[in-house]
Every structure is written in structure tokens, then in C-alpha cells.
Amino acid sequence: MTCREAVKQAIRNALIRDDRAFLMGEDVGAYGGCYAVSKELMAEFDEDRIRDTPLSGSGFTGAGIGAAVAGMRPIVEVMTVNFSLLALDQILNRAATLRHMSGGQFGCPVVIRMATGAGRQLAAQHSHSLEGWFAHIPGLRVLAPATLEDARGMLWMALEDPDPVLIFENVMLYNREGQIDEAAGPLDIDRAAIRRAGRDVSLITYGGSLWKVLEAAEALAGEGIEADVIDLRSLRPLDEATIAESVGRTRRAVVVDEGWRSGSLAAEIMARIAERCFRSLDAPPARICAEEVPIPYPEHLEEAAIPQVSDIVAAVRGVMGR
């Protein structure tokens, strides 16, 4: 199946399993979703369970948060991640703080799904990678599925969480095909996954970049460099133990992040590597992030670059001293 179908199955299973669950967002119903994730679900369920909302990110996100506080299990879809900035007040000042503001008495079990990552011909809109911003906020759990199993299984566990969970789905993965066990169910979303074992360098990434990193690792193996590939899966909280164990073995690290370099999630990961693994390192950690558009604006500008396989290979060669 495709990753799109895996997410659709996750939503469908959630609605069957729990009468309190429903999907809401812009164009999720009659239109079938901006990326066709919820196509035909309205016909299978009804307009109460698959709710089209007005074009008001703050309004419908706030309604979802209110429904969660009242005992429902809403799945709020934000069409593209840049629209989440309209709802940032609701997410940061309402959902994320309720547990703290109530002294632990109340939670907000809302799940907010966002389409993230690089697109094409979208200029400065709809292709941001802002998950690092949200991973900065206490009170939120932030997830980034990269595999079919994670795309289908993460939602299950997210809906069991008594506090808000944000799931960032990279749009470049929706058409990715693969096989998945029909019996695959909920996942341990607290742990990162080692997607390829190696001894020479730790490649740390998440979401849409995972498959580029695995391709780079395969190319590097032809040069005699065996990479340990870590799929973070959870961006908040970070699984520091898995990162530290890997870097402690390989003694080198490269972080691949589609977000911008300044203030990036990659910077946070590198700081934690320095705190926990400094004496084990044989080379400074390196990172590869999305290109930042310079100011003043250049006269000629091609599409902003996101990390490519060749960039990852070059960075690894650098930390290996080659």
C-alpha cells in the first residue's frame, strides 16, 4: 500500500474502535482531503465523524481542543504546516499548557495532524518544515512517521495519550509504496529506531529524509563506510539514550534535518550529543539542513534546496576525514 493509504487506515480504525473519535479540518470530508488521505471516509461514516470546517485554522483547532477537554477524541487535520501558525495560540497557550495550568488535574487528548515538508512550485508557502518549532514547546508530544508501520500505528498510540500529540506527515512520503503486516498494530512511540546498523558514523534523521539517508548509507557502504541510521520518530521527547548509545559506538555523527539551520532541531540534537558524548567523539558532529534564503534577496534564485543524498554522502566523508 501507499503511505497515504496507511494513514487513511489509521484514521478509519480509530473511528471504528472509539465512538468518541472524529476527524475534522478543511476539506477532509466531501473533497476527501487536500492529499486524498480521507477520501471516501465521509461516505463510510457520516458528517458528525468526518467534519468539514470553515477556513479558520485558529477556530477549528480551538474547537478540537475544546472537544478533547470535554471528553471526545478529535483528530484535527491542518492542511499544510504553515497554516498551523494561525492556530499557534490555541496549540501553545491552550492545549500545551492545560496540564500545567490545572496542576495536573486536566489533560487535552487532542491529536493534530499536519502535512509538512518540501513541495514543488509552491514558492514560499505550503512546504515548510516547522516541526522543530513545535518540538520546542513543553506539554506537546511531537511525532514524525517515516515508514508505513509508523504512519498507521502512531495514530493509535497518539489517541491513547491524555495530552496533546502533533503528528507531522511529510507530503513527499504519501505516494511511497511498500508492504505492511496486516496485523501490525500500536507502536512504542517513545523510542527511536535503528533502521540500519553500522560502526563508523551515526546518521540521525526523521520523516521524509529517512529514505535519502538510507540511500546515502548504501552508497557509503560501497566506500567501506558503515553507517548507523537512526530514525528519531519522536521529536519531543527525544530518545537521547538511543542517540548517545549509537554515537558512543561510532564516535561520529551527522544530523539530517529538512528544517532551516538557524535554531533547528538539528542544533538541539548536536548540543545533546556534545553534552553526553563529547569525550567519545573523533570528529565534530555535522548537520545538513534546508537552505535559507539570504537577505538581501538574490536577483536569481532557484528552488530552495533541501538535503539530498549527495549532500549526506559529502558530509559523512567530511567527518570521516576523507
C-alpha atoms as a PDB file:
ATOM      1  CA  MET A   1       0.000   0.000   0.000  1.00  0.00           C
ATOM      2  CA  THR A   2       0.978   3.654  -0.077  1.00  0.00           C
ATOM      3  CA  CYS A   3       1.778   5.750   2.959  1.00  0.00           C
ATOM      4  CA  ARG A   4      -1.413   7.694   2.165  1.00  0.00           C
ATOM      5  CA  GLU A   5      -3.450   4.510   2.498  1.00  0.00           C
ATOM      6  CA  ALA A   6      -1.679   3.617   5.758  1.00  0.00           C
ATOM      7  CA  VAL A   7      -2.705   6.954   7.297  1.00  0.00           C
ATOM      8  CA  LYS A   8      -6.258   6.511   5.993  1.00  0.00           C
ATOM      9  CA  GLN A   9      -6.449   3.049   7.576  1.00  0.00           C
ATOM     10  CA  ALA A  10      -5.191   4.515  10.858  1.00  0.00           C
ATOM     11  CA  ILE A  11      -7.990   7.088  10.854  1.00  0.00           C
ATOM     12  CA  ARG A  12     -10.610   4.536   9.818  1.00  0.00           C
ATOM     13  CA  ASN A  13      -9.535   2.093  12.532  1.00  0.00           C
ATOM     14  CA  ALA A  14      -9.616   4.870  15.127  1.00  0.00           C
ATOM     15  CA  LEU A  15     -13.189   5.786  14.235  1.00  0.00           C
ATOM     16  CA  ILE A  16     -14.302   2.151  14.365  1.00  0.00           C
ATOM     17  CA  ARG A  17     -12.512   1.470  17.632  1.00  0.00           C
ATOM     18  CA  ASP A  18     -13.688   4.524  19.594  1.00  0.00           C
ATOM     19  CA  ASP A  19     -17.063   6.249  19.247  1.00  0.00           C
ATOM     20  CA  ARG A  20     -15.531   9.403  20.717  1.00  0.00           C
ATOM     21  CA  ALA A  21     -13.088   9.791  17.823  1.00  0.00           C
ATOM     22  CA  PHE A  22     -13.783  12.006  14.824  1.00  0.00           C
ATOM     23  CA  LEU A  23     -11.797  13.743  12.080  1.00  0.00           C
ATOM     24  CA  MET A  24     -12.113  17.478  11.472  1.00  0.00           C
ATOM     25  CA  GLY A  25     -10.405  20.023   9.232  1.00  0.00           C
ATOM     26  CA  GLU A  26     -10.522  21.933   5.972  1.00  0.00           C
ATOM     27  CA  ASP A  27     -11.794  19.807   3.061  1.00  0.00           C
ATOM     28  CA  VAL A  28     -11.407  16.500   4.930  1.00  0.00           C
ATOM     29  CA  GLY A  29     -14.980  15.418   4.113  1.00  0.00           C
ATOM     30  CA  ALA A  30     -16.679  15.935   0.762  1.00  0.00           C
ATOM     31  CA  TYR A  31     -13.417  16.764  -1.010  1.00  0.00           C
ATOM     32  CA  GLY A  32     -11.572  13.833   0.556  1.00  0.00           C
ATOM     33  CA  GLY A  33      -8.645  15.781   1.958  1.00  0.00           C
ATOM     34  CA  CYS A  34      -6.056  18.005   0.324  1.00  0.00           C
ATOM     35  CA  TYR A  35      -3.812  14.948  -0.177  1.00  0.00           C
ATOM     36  CA  ALA A  36      -6.726  12.470  -0.534  1.00  0.00           C
ATOM     37  CA  VAL A  37      -5.935  10.874   2.831  1.00  0.00           C
ATOM     38  CA  SER A  38      -9.584  10.954   3.952  1.00  0.00           C
ATOM     39  CA  LYS A  39     -11.136  10.190   0.566  1.00  0.00           C
ATOM     40  CA  GLU A  40     -14.450   8.231   0.868  1.00  0.00           C
ATOM     41  CA  LEU A  41     -14.399   8.261   4.678  1.00  0.00           C
ATOM     42  CA  MET A  42     -17.392  10.604   4.855  1.00  0.00           C
ATOM     43  CA  ALA A  43     -19.446   8.123   2.835  1.00  0.00           C
ATOM     44  CA  GLU A  44     -18.462   5.294   5.178  1.00  0.00           C
ATOM     45  CA  PHE A  45     -19.116   7.216   8.376  1.00  0.00           C
ATOM     46  CA  ASP A  46     -21.124  10.458   8.427  1.00  0.00           C
ATOM     47  CA  GLU A  47     -20.783  14.210   8.706  1.00  0.00           C
ATOM     48  CA  ASP A  48     -20.561  14.033  12.506  1.00  0.00           C
ATOM     49  CA  ARG A  49     -17.498  11.781  12.374  1.00  0.00           C
ATOM     50  CA  ILE A  50     -15.846  13.405   9.309  1.00  0.00           C
ATOM     51  CA  ARG A  51     -16.343  17.133   9.814  1.00  0.00           C
ATOM     52  CA  ASP A  52     -15.596  19.746   7.181  1.00  0.00           C
ATOM     53  CA  THR A  53     -14.683  23.009   8.894  1.00  0.00           C
ATOM     54  CA  PRO A  54     -14.574  26.662   7.887  1.00  0.00           C
ATOM     55  CA  LEU A  55     -11.260  28.044   6.629  1.00  0.00           C
ATOM     56  CA  SER A  56     -10.249  29.164  10.099  1.00  0.00           C
ATOM     57  CA  GLY A  57      -7.187  27.427  11.481  1.00  0.00           C
ATOM     58  CA  SER A  58      -7.454  29.043  14.890  1.00  0.00           C
ATOM     59  CA  GLY A  59     -11.205  28.425  15.058  1.00  0.00           C
ATOM     60  CA  PHE A  60     -11.362  24.731  14.224  1.00  0.00           C
ATOM     61  CA  THR A  61      -8.170  23.904  16.146  1.00  0.00           C
ATOM     62  CA  GLY A  62      -9.681  25.605  19.187  1.00  0.00           C
ATOM     63  CA  ALA A  63     -12.916  23.653  18.671  1.00  0.00           C
ATOM     64  CA  GLY A  64     -10.921  20.423  18.557  1.00  0.00           C
ATOM     65  CA  ILE A  65      -9.109  21.331  21.765  1.00  0.00           C
ATOM     66  CA  GLY A  66     -12.429  22.110  23.437  1.00  0.00           C
ATOM     67  CA  ALA A  67     -13.884  18.795  22.292  1.00  0.00           C
ATOM     68  CA  ALA A  68     -10.871  16.960  23.720  1.00  0.00           C
ATOM     69  CA  VAL A  69     -11.223  18.684  27.088  1.00  0.00           C
ATOM     70  CA  ALA A  70     -14.904  17.700  27.069  1.00  0.00           C
ATOM     71  CA  GLY A  71     -14.071  14.013  26.650  1.00  0.00           C
ATOM     72  CA  MET A  72     -14.003  13.480  22.879  1.00  0.00           C
ATOM     73  CA  ARG A  73     -11.024  12.175  20.878  1.00  0.00           C
ATOM     74  CA  PRO A  74     -10.687  14.615  17.977  1.00  0.00           C
ATOM     75  CA  ILE A  75      -8.219  14.170  15.123  1.00  0.00           C
ATOM     76  CA  VAL A  76      -7.612  17.683  13.816  1.00  0.00           C
ATOM     77  CA  GLU A  77      -6.078  17.944  10.345  1.00  0.00           C
ATOM     78  CA  VAL A  78      -4.159  21.096   9.445  1.00  0.00           C
ATOM     79  CA  MET A  79      -3.957  21.113   5.654  1.00  0.00           C
ATOM     80  CA  THR A  80      -0.357  22.372   5.446  1.00  0.00           C
ATOM     81  CA  VAL A  81       2.020  23.108   8.272  1.00  0.00           C
ATOM     82  CA  ASN A  82       2.295  26.847   7.583  1.00  0.00           C
ATOM     83  CA  PHE A  83      -1.449  27.148   8.360  1.00  0.00           C
ATOM     84  CA  SER A  84      -0.663  25.930  11.880  1.00  0.00           C
ATOM     85  CA  LEU A  85       0.820  29.352  12.607  1.00  0.00           C
ATOM     86  CA  LEU A  86      -2.736  30.705  12.600  1.00  0.00           C
ATOM     87  CA  ALA A  87      -3.522  28.192  15.351  1.00  0.00           C
ATOM     88  CA  LEU A  88      -0.285  28.623  17.289  1.00  0.00           C
ATOM     89  CA  ASP A  89      -2.023  30.486  20.121  1.00  0.00           C
ATOM     90  CA  GLN A  90      -4.501  27.623  20.521  1.00  0.00           C
ATOM     91  CA  ILE A  91      -1.800  24.952  20.442  1.00  0.00           C
ATOM     92  CA  LEU A  92       0.788  26.710  22.601  1.00  0.00           C
ATOM     93  CA  ASN A  93      -1.329  28.701  25.065  1.00  0.00           C
ATOM     94  CA  ARG A  94      -4.268  26.299  25.362  1.00  0.00           C
ATOM     95  CA  ALA A  95      -3.515  22.651  24.539  1.00  0.00           C
ATOM     96  CA  ALA A  96       0.109  22.558  25.668  1.00  0.00           C
ATOM     97  CA  THR A  97      -0.431  24.411  28.949  1.00  0.00           C
ATOM     98  CA  LEU A  98      -3.661  22.885  30.270  1.00  0.00           C
ATOM     99  CA  ARG A  99      -1.900  20.122  32.208  1.00  0.00           C
ATOM    100  CA  HIS A 100       0.425  22.672  33.840  1.00  0.00           C
ATOM    101  CA  MET A 101      -2.239  25.343  34.440  1.00  0.00           C
ATOM    102  CA  SER A 102      -4.517  22.842  36.181  1.00  0.00           C
ATOM    103  CA  GLY A 103      -1.786  21.455  38.418  1.00  0.00           C
ATOM    104  CA  GLY A 104      -2.051  18.083  36.667  1.00  0.00           C
ATOM    105  CA  GLN A 105      -5.824  17.775  37.091  1.00  0.00           C
ATOM    106  CA  PHE A 106      -6.781  18.064  33.404  1.00  0.00           C
ATOM    107  CA  GLY A 107      -5.353  16.895  30.113  1.00  0.00           C
ATOM    108  CA  CYS A 108      -6.133  17.695  26.495  1.00  0.00           C
ATOM    109  CA  PRO A 109      -6.184  14.450  24.453  1.00  0.00           C
ATOM    110  CA  VAL A 110      -6.255  16.068  21.030  1.00  0.00           C
ATOM    111  CA  VAL A 111      -4.293  14.744  18.032  1.00  0.00           C
ATOM    112  CA  ILE A 112      -3.291  17.322  15.428  1.00  0.00           C
ATOM    113  CA  ARG A 113      -2.043  16.039  12.061  1.00  0.00           C
ATOM    114  CA  MET A 114      -0.065  18.350   9.793  1.00  0.00           C
ATOM    115  CA  ALA A 115       1.257  17.935   6.253  1.00  0.00           C
ATOM    116  CA  THR A 116       4.871  19.052   6.281  1.00  0.00           C
ATOM    117  CA  GLY A 117       7.982  19.015   4.125  1.00  0.00           C
ATOM    118  CA  ALA A 118       9.163  20.175   0.757  1.00  0.00           C
ATOM    119  CA  GLY A 119       6.848  20.577  -2.173  1.00  0.00           C
ATOM    120  CA  ARG A 120       7.398  21.864  -5.711  1.00  0.00           C
ATOM    121  CA  GLN A 121       6.291  25.089  -7.394  1.00  0.00           C
ATOM    122  CA  LEU A 122       4.784  26.355  -4.139  1.00  0.00           C
ATOM    123  CA  ALA A 123       7.033  29.406  -3.768  1.00  0.00           C
ATOM    124  CA  ALA A 124       7.278  30.452  -0.117  1.00  0.00           C
ATOM    125  CA  GLN A 125       4.124  28.643   1.039  1.00  0.00           C
ATOM    126  CA  HIS A 126       2.948  25.123   1.934  1.00  0.00           C
ATOM    127  CA  SER A 127       6.367  23.450   2.022  1.00  0.00           C
ATOM    128  CA  HIS A 128       7.771  24.476   5.389  1.00  0.00           C
ATOM    129  CA  SER A 129       9.275  22.088   7.950  1.00  0.00           C
ATOM    130  CA  LEU A 130       8.263  23.673  11.241  1.00  0.00           C
ATOM    131  CA  GLU A 131       8.222  20.561  13.409  1.00  0.00           C
ATOM    132  CA  GLY A 132      11.364  21.795  15.179  1.00  0.00           C
ATOM    133  CA  TRP A 133       9.418  24.843  16.386  1.00  0.00           C
ATOM    134  CA  PHE A 134       6.721  22.697  17.958  1.00  0.00           C
ATOM    135  CA  ALA A 135       9.301  20.314  19.438  1.00  0.00           C
ATOM    136  CA  HIS A 136      10.474  23.330  21.454  1.00  0.00           C
ATOM    137  CA  ILE A 137       7.160  23.581  23.351  1.00  0.00           C
ATOM    138  CA  PRO A 138       6.713  21.782  26.711  1.00  0.00           C
ATOM    139  CA  GLY A 139       3.420  19.956  27.052  1.00  0.00           C
ATOM    140  CA  LEU A 140       3.353  18.591  23.499  1.00  0.00           C
ATOM    141  CA  ARG A 141       4.351  15.228  22.103  1.00  0.00           C
ATOM    142  CA  VAL A 142       5.690  15.601  18.546  1.00  0.00           C
ATOM    143  CA  LEU A 143       5.853  12.607  16.189  1.00  0.00           C
ATOM    144  CA  ALA A 144       7.219  12.223  12.646  1.00  0.00           C
ATOM    145  CA  PRO A 145       6.402   8.919  10.893  1.00  0.00           C
ATOM    146  CA  ALA A 146       8.657   7.771   8.060  1.00  0.00           C
ATOM    147  CA  THR A 147       7.546   4.170   7.462  1.00  0.00           C
ATOM    148  CA  LEU A 148       4.197   2.573   6.624  1.00  0.00           C
ATOM    149  CA  GLU A 149       4.109   0.917  10.047  1.00  0.00           C
ATOM    150  CA  ASP A 150       4.637   4.250  11.793  1.00  0.00           C
ATOM    151  CA  ALA A 151       2.163   6.062   9.549  1.00  0.00           C
ATOM    152  CA  ARG A 152      -0.527   3.564  10.545  1.00  0.00           C
ATOM    153  CA  GLY A 153       0.485   2.725  14.102  1.00  0.00           C
ATOM    154  CA  MET A 154       1.413   6.101  15.574  1.00  0.00           C
ATOM    155  CA  LEU A 155      -2.145   7.448  15.477  1.00  0.00           C
ATOM    156  CA  TRP A 156      -3.354   4.555  17.600  1.00  0.00           C
ATOM    157  CA  MET A 157      -0.965   5.419  20.422  1.00  0.00           C
ATOM    158  CA  ALA A 158      -1.432   9.164  19.958  1.00  0.00           C
ATOM    159  CA  LEU A 159      -5.158   8.803  20.647  1.00  0.00           C
ATOM    160  CA  GLU A 160      -4.356   6.922  23.858  1.00  0.00           C
ATOM    161  CA  ASP A 161      -2.249   9.828  25.137  1.00  0.00           C
ATOM    162  CA  PRO A 162      -4.029  12.026  27.728  1.00  0.00           C
ATOM    163  CA  ASP A 163      -2.172  15.090  26.439  1.00  0.00           C
ATOM    164  CA  PRO A 164      -1.845  16.779  23.016  1.00  0.00           C
ATOM    165  CA  VAL A 165       0.047  14.959  20.256  1.00  0.00           C
ATOM    166  CA  LEU A 166       1.198  16.529  16.987  1.00  0.00           C
ATOM    167  CA  ILE A 167       1.907  14.225  14.025  1.00  0.00           C
ATOM    168  CA  PHE A 168       3.920  15.657  11.124  1.00  0.00           C
ATOM    169  CA  GLU A 169       3.348  13.734   7.877  1.00  0.00           C
ATOM    170  CA  ASN A 170       5.862  14.542   5.148  1.00  0.00           C
ATOM    171  CA  VAL A 171       3.967  15.124   1.907  1.00  0.00           C
ATOM    172  CA  MET A 172       6.753  13.543  -0.149  1.00  0.00           C
ATOM    173  CA  LEU A 173       6.007  10.207   1.563  1.00  0.00           C
ATOM    174  CA  TYR A 174       2.284   9.977   0.780  1.00  0.00           C
ATOM    175  CA  ASN A 175       2.888   8.199  -2.546  1.00  0.00           C
ATOM    176  CA  ARG A 176       5.642   5.948  -1.215  1.00  0.00           C
ATOM    177  CA  GLU A 177       4.686   2.285  -1.600  1.00  0.00           C
ATOM    178  CA  GLY A 178       5.607  -0.728   0.457  1.00  0.00           C
ATOM    179  CA  GLN A 179       4.294  -3.789   2.246  1.00  0.00           C
ATOM    180  CA  ILE A 180       2.901  -3.850   5.750  1.00  0.00           C
ATOM    181  CA  ASP A 181       1.795  -6.669   8.011  1.00  0.00           C
ATOM    182  CA  GLU A 182      -1.997  -6.697   8.219  1.00  0.00           C
ATOM    183  CA  ALA A 183      -1.681  -7.474  11.931  1.00  0.00           C
ATOM    184  CA  ALA A 184       0.631  -4.512  12.622  1.00  0.00           C
ATOM    185  CA  GLY A 185      -0.847  -2.512  15.476  1.00  0.00           C
ATOM    186  CA  PRO A 186       0.187   0.119  18.004  1.00  0.00           C
ATOM    187  CA  LEU A 187       3.841   1.084  18.390  1.00  0.00           C
ATOM    188  CA  ASP A 188       6.286   2.117  21.075  1.00  0.00           C
ATOM    189  CA  ILE A 189       6.399   5.798  20.130  1.00  0.00           C
ATOM    190  CA  ASP A 190       8.868   6.657  22.890  1.00  0.00           C
ATOM    191  CA  ARG A 191      11.850   5.055  21.182  1.00  0.00           C
ATOM    192  CA  ALA A 192      13.886   5.909  18.111  1.00  0.00           C
ATOM    193  CA  ALA A 193      14.518   3.083  15.642  1.00  0.00           C
ATOM    194  CA  ILE A 194      17.814   1.855  14.220  1.00  0.00           C
ATOM    195  CA  ARG A 195      16.927   1.414  10.541  1.00  0.00           C
ATOM    196  CA  ARG A 196      20.425   0.253   9.526  1.00  0.00           C
ATOM    197  CA  ALA A 197      23.238  -0.936  11.772  1.00  0.00           C
ATOM    198  CA  GLY A 198      26.774   0.373  11.305  1.00  0.00           C
ATOM    199  CA  ARG A 199      30.016   1.030  13.140  1.00  0.00           C
ATOM    200  CA  ASP A 200      31.632   4.086  11.522  1.00  0.00           C
ATOM    201  CA  VAL A 201      29.196   7.011  11.750  1.00  0.00           C
ATOM    202  CA  SER A 202      25.726   7.740  13.161  1.00  0.00           C
ATOM    203  CA  LEU A 203      23.272   9.263  10.673  1.00  0.00           C
ATOM    204  CA  ILE A 204      20.384  10.810  12.611  1.00  0.00           C
ATOM    205  CA  THR A 205      17.189  11.913  10.869  1.00  0.00           C
ATOM    206  CA  TYR A 206      13.397  11.605  10.764  1.00  0.00           C
ATOM    207  CA  GLY A 207      10.375  11.751   8.474  1.00  0.00           C
ATOM    208  CA  GLY A 208      10.871  12.354   4.773  1.00  0.00           C
ATOM    209  CA  SER A 209      14.665  12.418   4.996  1.00  0.00           C
ATOM    210  CA  LEU A 210      14.954   8.833   6.254  1.00  0.00           C
ATOM    211  CA  TRP A 211      14.885   7.265   2.797  1.00  0.00           C
ATOM    212  CA  LYS A 212      17.514   9.648   1.456  1.00  0.00           C
ATOM    213  CA  VAL A 213      19.710   8.820   4.426  1.00  0.00           C
ATOM    214  CA  LEU A 214      19.290   5.087   3.836  1.00  0.00           C
ATOM    215  CA  GLU A 215      20.199   5.579   0.169  1.00  0.00           C
ATOM    216  CA  ALA A 216      23.274   7.541   1.213  1.00  0.00           C
ATOM    217  CA  ALA A 217      24.217   4.821   3.697  1.00  0.00           C
ATOM    218  CA  GLU A 218      24.042   2.258   0.909  1.00  0.00           C
ATOM    219  CA  ALA A 219      26.327   4.383  -1.270  1.00  0.00           C
ATOM    220  CA  LEU A 220      28.767   4.880   1.597  1.00  0.00           C
ATOM    221  CA  ALA A 221      28.894   1.133   2.224  1.00  0.00           C
ATOM    222  CA  GLY A 222      30.429   0.837  -1.235  1.00  0.00           C
ATOM    223  CA  GLU A 223      33.269   3.020   0.050  1.00  0.00           C
ATOM    224  CA  GLY A 224      33.751   0.865   3.137  1.00  0.00           C
ATOM    225  CA  ILE A 225      31.874   3.238   5.489  1.00  0.00           C
ATOM    226  CA  GLU A 226      29.153   1.511   7.501  1.00  0.00           C
ATOM    227  CA  ALA A 227      26.560   3.949   8.876  1.00  0.00           C
ATOM    228  CA  ASP A 228      24.230   3.521  11.847  1.00  0.00           C
ATOM    229  CA  VAL A 229      20.948   5.085  10.664  1.00  0.00           C
ATOM    230  CA  ILE A 230      18.682   6.406  13.421  1.00  0.00           C
ATOM    231  CA  ASP A 231      15.055   7.285  12.694  1.00  0.00           C
ATOM    232  CA  LEU A 232      14.064   9.582  15.572  1.00  0.00           C
ATOM    233  CA  ARG A 233      10.291   9.002  15.148  1.00  0.00           C
ATOM    234  CA  SER A 234       9.581  11.113  18.245  1.00  0.00           C
ATOM    235  CA  LEU A 235      10.928  14.680  18.132  1.00  0.00           C
ATOM    236  CA  ARG A 236       9.602  15.535  21.570  1.00  0.00           C
ATOM    237  CA  PRO A 237      10.557  13.839  23.746  1.00  0.00           C
ATOM    238  CA  LEU A 238      13.808  12.906  22.036  1.00  0.00           C
ATOM    239  CA  ASP A 239      15.173   9.424  22.664  1.00  0.00           C
ATOM    240  CA  GLU A 240      18.558  10.621  23.903  1.00  0.00           C
ATOM    241  CA  ALA A 241      19.570   7.155  25.085  1.00  0.00           C
ATOM    242  CA  THR A 242      19.461   5.636  21.588  1.00  0.00           C
ATOM    243  CA  ILE A 243      21.313   8.608  20.097  1.00  0.00           C
ATOM    244  CA  ALA A 244      24.014   8.526  22.785  1.00  0.00           C
ATOM    245  CA  GLU A 245      24.463   4.754  22.520  1.00  0.00           C
ATOM    246  CA  SER A 246      24.909   4.952  18.762  1.00  0.00           C
ATOM    247  CA  VAL A 247      27.292   7.927  18.782  1.00  0.00           C
ATOM    248  CA  GLY A 248      29.242   6.342  21.631  1.00  0.00           C
ATOM    249  CA  ARG A 249      29.887   3.340  19.374  1.00  0.00           C
ATOM    250  CA  THR A 250      30.546   5.079  16.061  1.00  0.00           C
ATOM    251  CA  ARG A 251      32.276   8.179  17.534  1.00  0.00           C
ATOM    252  CA  ARG A 252      30.971  10.345  14.681  1.00  0.00           C
ATOM    253  CA  ALA A 253      27.569  11.909  13.933  1.00  0.00           C
ATOM    254  CA  VAL A 254      25.755  13.621  11.052  1.00  0.00           C
ATOM    255  CA  VAL A 255      22.248  15.035  11.599  1.00  0.00           C
ATOM    256  CA  VAL A 256      19.914  15.470   8.604  1.00  0.00           C
ATOM    257  CA  ASP A 257      17.018  17.893   9.110  1.00  0.00           C
ATOM    258  CA  GLU A 258      14.700  19.439   6.481  1.00  0.00           C
ATOM    259  CA  GLY A 259      14.158  22.455   8.714  1.00  0.00           C
ATOM    260  CA  TRP A 260      16.227  25.617   8.467  1.00  0.00           C
ATOM    261  CA  ARG A 261      19.700  25.554  10.004  1.00  0.00           C
ATOM    262  CA  SER A 262      19.283  28.551  12.333  1.00  0.00           C
ATOM    263  CA  GLY A 263      17.559  27.410  15.514  1.00  0.00           C
ATOM    264  CA  SER A 264      16.973  23.972  14.028  1.00  0.00           C
ATOM    265  CA  LEU A 265      16.093  20.681  15.664  1.00  0.00           C
ATOM    266  CA  ALA A 266      19.466  19.514  14.339  1.00  0.00           C
ATOM    267  CA  ALA A 267      21.142  22.132  16.524  1.00  0.00           C
ATOM    268  CA  GLU A 268      19.382  20.758  19.610  1.00  0.00           C
ATOM    269  CA  ILE A 269      20.409  17.196  18.767  1.00  0.00           C
ATOM    270  CA  MET A 270      24.017  18.253  18.230  1.00  0.00           C
ATOM    271  CA  ALA A 271      24.002  20.079  21.571  1.00  0.00           C
ATOM    272  CA  ARG A 272      22.804  16.958  23.352  1.00  0.00           C
ATOM    273  CA  ILE A 273      25.439  14.881  21.581  1.00  0.00           C
ATOM    274  CA  ALA A 274      28.068  17.348  22.803  1.00  0.00           C
ATOM    275  CA  GLU A 275      26.703  17.166  26.352  1.00  0.00           C
ATOM    276  CA  ARG A 276      26.598  13.369  26.531  1.00  0.00           C
ATOM    277  CA  CYS A 277      29.197  12.125  24.041  1.00  0.00           C
ATOM    278  CA  PHE A 278      31.876  14.819  23.768  1.00  0.00           C
ATOM    279  CA  ARG A 279      34.723  12.679  25.081  1.00  0.00           C
ATOM    280  CA  SER A 280      33.775   9.836  22.751  1.00  0.00           C
ATOM    281  CA  LEU A 281      33.827  11.893  19.550  1.00  0.00           C
ATOM    282  CA  ASP A 282      36.610  11.511  16.999  1.00  0.00           C
ATOM    283  CA  ALA A 283      35.281  14.426  14.893  1.00  0.00           C
ATOM    284  CA  PRO A 284      32.916  17.369  15.376  1.00  0.00           C
ATOM    285  CA  PRO A 285      29.267  16.500  14.623  1.00  0.00           C
ATOM    286  CA  ALA A 286      27.932  17.798  11.298  1.00  0.00           C
ATOM    287  CA  ARG A 287      24.441  18.735  10.154  1.00  0.00           C
ATOM    288  CA  ILE A 288      22.630  19.159   6.864  1.00  0.00           C
ATOM    289  CA  CYS A 289      19.556  21.395   6.796  1.00  0.00           C
ATOM    290  CA  ALA A 290      17.379  23.203   4.281  1.00  0.00           C
ATOM    291  CA  GLU A 291      18.958  26.172   2.547  1.00  0.00           C
ATOM    292  CA  GLU A 292      17.983  29.555   3.969  1.00  0.00           C
ATOM    293  CA  VAL A 293      17.085  32.300   1.504  1.00  0.00           C
ATOM    294  CA  PRO A 294      19.654  35.082   2.002  1.00  0.00           C
ATOM    295  CA  ILE A 295      18.906  38.738   2.647  1.00  0.00           C
ATOM    296  CA  PRO A 296      19.103  40.863   0.552  1.00  0.00           C
ATOM    297  CA  TYR A 297      17.064  38.715  -1.792  1.00  0.00           C
ATOM    298  CA  PRO A 298      19.207  37.457  -4.703  1.00  0.00           C
ATOM    299  CA  GLU A 299      18.407  38.529  -8.250  1.00  0.00           C
ATOM    300  CA  HIS A 300      18.196  34.936  -9.463  1.00  0.00           C
ATOM    301  CA  LEU A 301      17.029  32.202  -7.115  1.00  0.00           C
ATOM    302  CA  GLU A 302      16.237  28.591  -7.887  1.00  0.00           C
ATOM    303  CA  GLU A 303      14.085  26.449  -5.593  1.00  0.00           C
ATOM    304  CA  ALA A 304      15.348  26.407  -2.029  1.00  0.00           C
ATOM    305  CA  ALA A 305      17.404  23.265  -1.576  1.00  0.00           C
ATOM    306  CA  ILE A 306      16.587  20.547   0.925  1.00  0.00           C
ATOM    307  CA  PRO A 307      19.123  17.868   1.905  1.00  0.00           C
ATOM    308  CA  GLN A 308      19.934  15.488  -0.937  1.00  0.00           C
ATOM    309  CA  VAL A 309      21.709  12.126  -0.982  1.00  0.00           C
ATOM    310  CA  SER A 310      24.875  13.726  -2.375  1.00  0.00           C
ATOM    311  CA  ASP A 311      24.913  16.265   0.482  1.00  0.00           C
ATOM    312  CA  ILE A 312      24.668  13.482   3.060  1.00  0.00           C
ATOM    313  CA  VAL A 313      27.470  11.465   1.428  1.00  0.00           C
ATOM    314  CA  ALA A 314      29.714  14.561   1.309  1.00  0.00           C
ATOM    315  CA  ALA A 315      29.054  15.387   4.983  1.00  0.00           C
ATOM    316  CA  VAL A 316      29.924  11.840   6.058  1.00  0.00           C
ATOM    317  CA  ARG A 317      33.136  11.919   4.072  1.00  0.00           C
ATOM    318  CA  GLY A 318      33.949  15.166   5.877  1.00  0.00           C
ATOM    319  CA  VAL A 319      33.529  13.761   9.386  1.00  0.00           C
ATOM    320  CA  MET A 320      35.458  10.667   8.316  1.00  0.00           C
ATOM    321  CA  GLY A 321      38.344  12.881   7.203  1.00  0.00           C
ATOM    322  CA  ARG A 322      38.148  11.798   3.567  1.00  0.00           C
END
